Protein backbone atom coordinates (compact mmCIF):
# COMPACT_ATOMS: atom_id res chain seq x y z
CA MET A 1 122.65 80.16 126.93
CA ARG A 2 121.00 78.58 123.80
CA ASN A 3 118.05 77.80 126.07
CA ASN A 4 117.67 81.37 127.06
CA ILE A 5 117.67 82.56 123.52
CA LEU A 6 114.90 79.89 122.60
CA LYS A 7 112.95 80.98 125.56
CA PHE A 8 113.17 84.72 124.56
CA VAL A 9 112.53 83.99 120.89
CA LEU A 10 109.37 81.75 121.85
CA ILE A 11 108.05 84.44 124.05
CA LEU A 12 108.44 87.00 121.29
CA LEU A 13 106.71 84.98 118.68
CA SER A 14 103.92 84.20 120.95
CA MET A 15 103.47 87.95 121.65
CA LEU A 16 103.55 88.36 117.85
CA GLY A 17 100.80 85.86 117.40
CA ILE A 18 98.79 87.67 120.17
CA THR A 19 99.10 90.94 118.39
CA ASP A 20 98.24 89.62 114.89
CA ALA A 21 95.15 87.62 116.28
CA SER A 22 94.13 90.59 118.46
CA TYR A 23 93.98 92.66 115.39
CA LEU A 24 92.06 90.14 113.36
CA SER A 25 89.68 89.75 116.39
CA TYR A 26 89.16 93.27 116.75
CA SER A 27 88.33 93.78 113.16
CA TYR A 28 85.98 90.91 113.20
CA PHE A 29 84.04 92.27 116.32
CA SER A 30 84.09 95.72 115.27
CA GLY A 31 83.04 95.07 111.77
CA ILE A 32 85.86 96.99 110.23
CA PRO A 33 87.30 95.19 107.30
CA VAL A 34 90.94 94.06 107.52
CA LYS A 35 93.37 96.10 105.46
CA CYS A 36 96.06 94.26 103.48
CA SER A 37 99.11 96.16 102.17
CA PHE A 38 100.60 93.27 100.29
CA PHE A 39 97.71 91.15 99.07
CA SER A 40 94.17 92.25 98.16
CA GLY A 41 92.54 89.17 99.75
CA CYS A 42 92.33 89.89 103.56
CA GLU A 43 88.88 91.16 103.31
CA ILE A 44 87.80 88.06 101.33
CA VAL A 45 89.45 85.58 103.62
CA THR A 46 88.37 87.13 106.74
CA ALA A 47 84.83 87.35 105.47
CA SER A 48 84.60 83.88 104.10
CA LYS A 49 82.62 81.15 105.49
CA TYR A 50 85.74 79.52 106.61
CA SER A 51 86.61 82.37 108.95
CA GLU A 52 84.32 80.81 111.68
CA ILE A 53 84.00 77.47 113.31
CA PHE A 54 80.54 76.96 114.98
CA GLY A 55 80.02 80.65 114.92
CA ILE A 56 83.19 81.33 116.70
CA PRO A 57 85.73 83.50 114.66
CA ILE A 58 89.06 81.56 113.87
CA SER A 59 90.90 84.82 115.00
CA LEU A 60 89.54 84.60 118.43
CA ILE A 61 90.58 80.83 118.60
CA GLY A 62 93.96 81.91 117.49
CA LEU A 63 94.09 84.72 120.08
CA LEU A 64 93.30 82.08 122.78
CA TYR A 65 95.91 79.75 121.34
CA TYR A 66 98.62 82.28 121.33
CA ILE A 67 97.77 83.44 125.01
CA LEU A 68 97.65 79.92 125.99
CA LEU A 69 101.22 79.29 124.35
CA PHE A 70 102.52 82.47 126.07
CA VAL A 71 101.25 81.49 129.40
CA ILE A 72 102.81 77.87 129.14
CA ILE A 73 106.05 79.29 127.85
CA VAL A 74 106.44 81.79 130.63
CA TRP A 75 105.30 79.36 133.36
CA ALA A 76 107.78 76.46 131.94
CA THR A 77 110.62 78.84 131.91
CA ARG A 78 110.10 81.00 134.90
CA LYS A 79 112.78 79.52 136.96
CA GLU A 80 116.45 78.76 136.59
CA GLU A 81 115.57 75.18 136.04
CA ILE A 82 113.26 74.96 132.88
CA SER A 83 110.39 72.52 133.08
CA ILE A 84 110.67 69.74 130.42
CA SER A 85 107.11 68.89 130.55
CA GLY A 86 106.08 72.44 130.22
CA ILE A 87 108.17 72.82 126.95
CA LYS A 88 106.73 69.37 125.82
CA ASN A 89 103.25 70.91 126.30
CA VAL A 90 104.26 73.89 124.26
CA PHE A 91 105.67 71.50 121.47
CA LEU A 92 102.46 69.25 121.47
CA LEU A 93 100.04 72.30 121.45
CA SER A 94 102.02 74.01 118.81
CA PHE A 95 102.07 70.82 116.68
CA PHE A 96 98.31 71.03 116.47
CA GLY A 97 98.53 74.82 115.76
CA PHE A 98 100.77 74.05 112.94
CA LEU A 99 98.45 71.44 111.46
CA PHE A 100 95.47 73.75 111.77
CA SER A 101 97.60 76.52 110.14
CA ALA A 102 98.50 74.24 107.30
CA TYR A 103 94.71 73.44 106.89
CA LEU A 104 93.84 77.22 106.77
CA LEU A 105 96.76 77.85 104.43
CA TYR A 106 95.28 75.12 102.03
CA LEU A 107 91.90 76.77 102.29
CA GLN A 108 93.28 80.09 101.24
CA VAL A 109 95.35 78.77 98.33
CA PHE A 110 92.85 76.20 96.92
CA ILE A 111 89.41 76.91 98.12
CA ILE A 112 89.27 80.61 98.70
CA GLN A 113 92.00 81.31 96.11
CA THR A 114 93.37 84.43 97.73
CA LEU A 115 95.70 85.16 100.53
CA CYS A 116 95.66 87.34 103.73
CA ILE A 117 98.94 88.65 104.95
CA PHE A 118 97.86 88.40 108.56
CA CYS A 119 96.90 84.90 108.16
CA LEU A 120 100.29 84.20 106.61
CA ILE A 121 101.89 85.84 109.51
CA SER A 122 100.01 83.74 111.99
CA ALA A 123 100.75 80.51 110.01
CA THR A 124 104.60 81.52 109.93
CA VAL A 125 104.65 82.27 113.80
CA SER A 126 102.77 79.08 114.49
CA THR A 127 105.08 77.00 112.47
CA LEU A 128 108.19 78.76 114.16
CA ILE A 129 106.94 78.13 117.49
CA PHE A 130 106.30 74.40 116.66
CA VAL A 131 109.94 74.07 115.27
CA LEU A 132 111.67 75.99 117.78
CA SER A 133 109.76 74.40 120.69
CA GLY A 134 110.61 71.04 119.29
CA LEU A 135 114.31 71.96 119.31
CA PHE A 136 113.99 73.39 122.67
CA TYR A 137 112.42 70.03 124.05
CA LYS A 138 115.15 68.07 122.27
CA SER A 139 117.88 70.12 123.80
CA LEU A 140 116.45 69.59 127.37
CA ARG A 141 115.85 66.10 126.87
CA GLY A 142 119.44 65.68 125.78
CA ASN A 143 120.73 67.72 128.80
CA THR A 144 118.90 65.28 131.17
CA GLN A 145 119.99 62.09 129.41
CA ASN A 146 123.67 63.29 129.81
CA LEU A 147 123.16 63.72 133.38
CA ALA A 148 121.95 60.20 134.02
């Protein structure tokens, strides 16, 4: 039962990440400034020199990241028996996403000195996916060790 809840929450979080990154990517490619309702820094953050890596928008990288997570989560949990290696891959991928989100948050706070609510949403989603996939993986490993 707990694993089904974790599966459901991970799928929802990855879909939220896809939605968030899709909006930021759409804004980037359409040239329409990102509108923030809580902070006034979205336009500054998304137009900064840190919004791209080698000419590729971070929002597009984030979109691909969340799509990949979604696919792996759905694939790993598609059957009655959940793939431990699939959840381990989600955990490992989300670890790198978490580290990258921490770096981007550092840039917002200390370098750009303003915050983007959509970037904070992505950082929160990425962190939650990392933590929950770690719990999921630990739970699955515990179940297989108890069977042995």
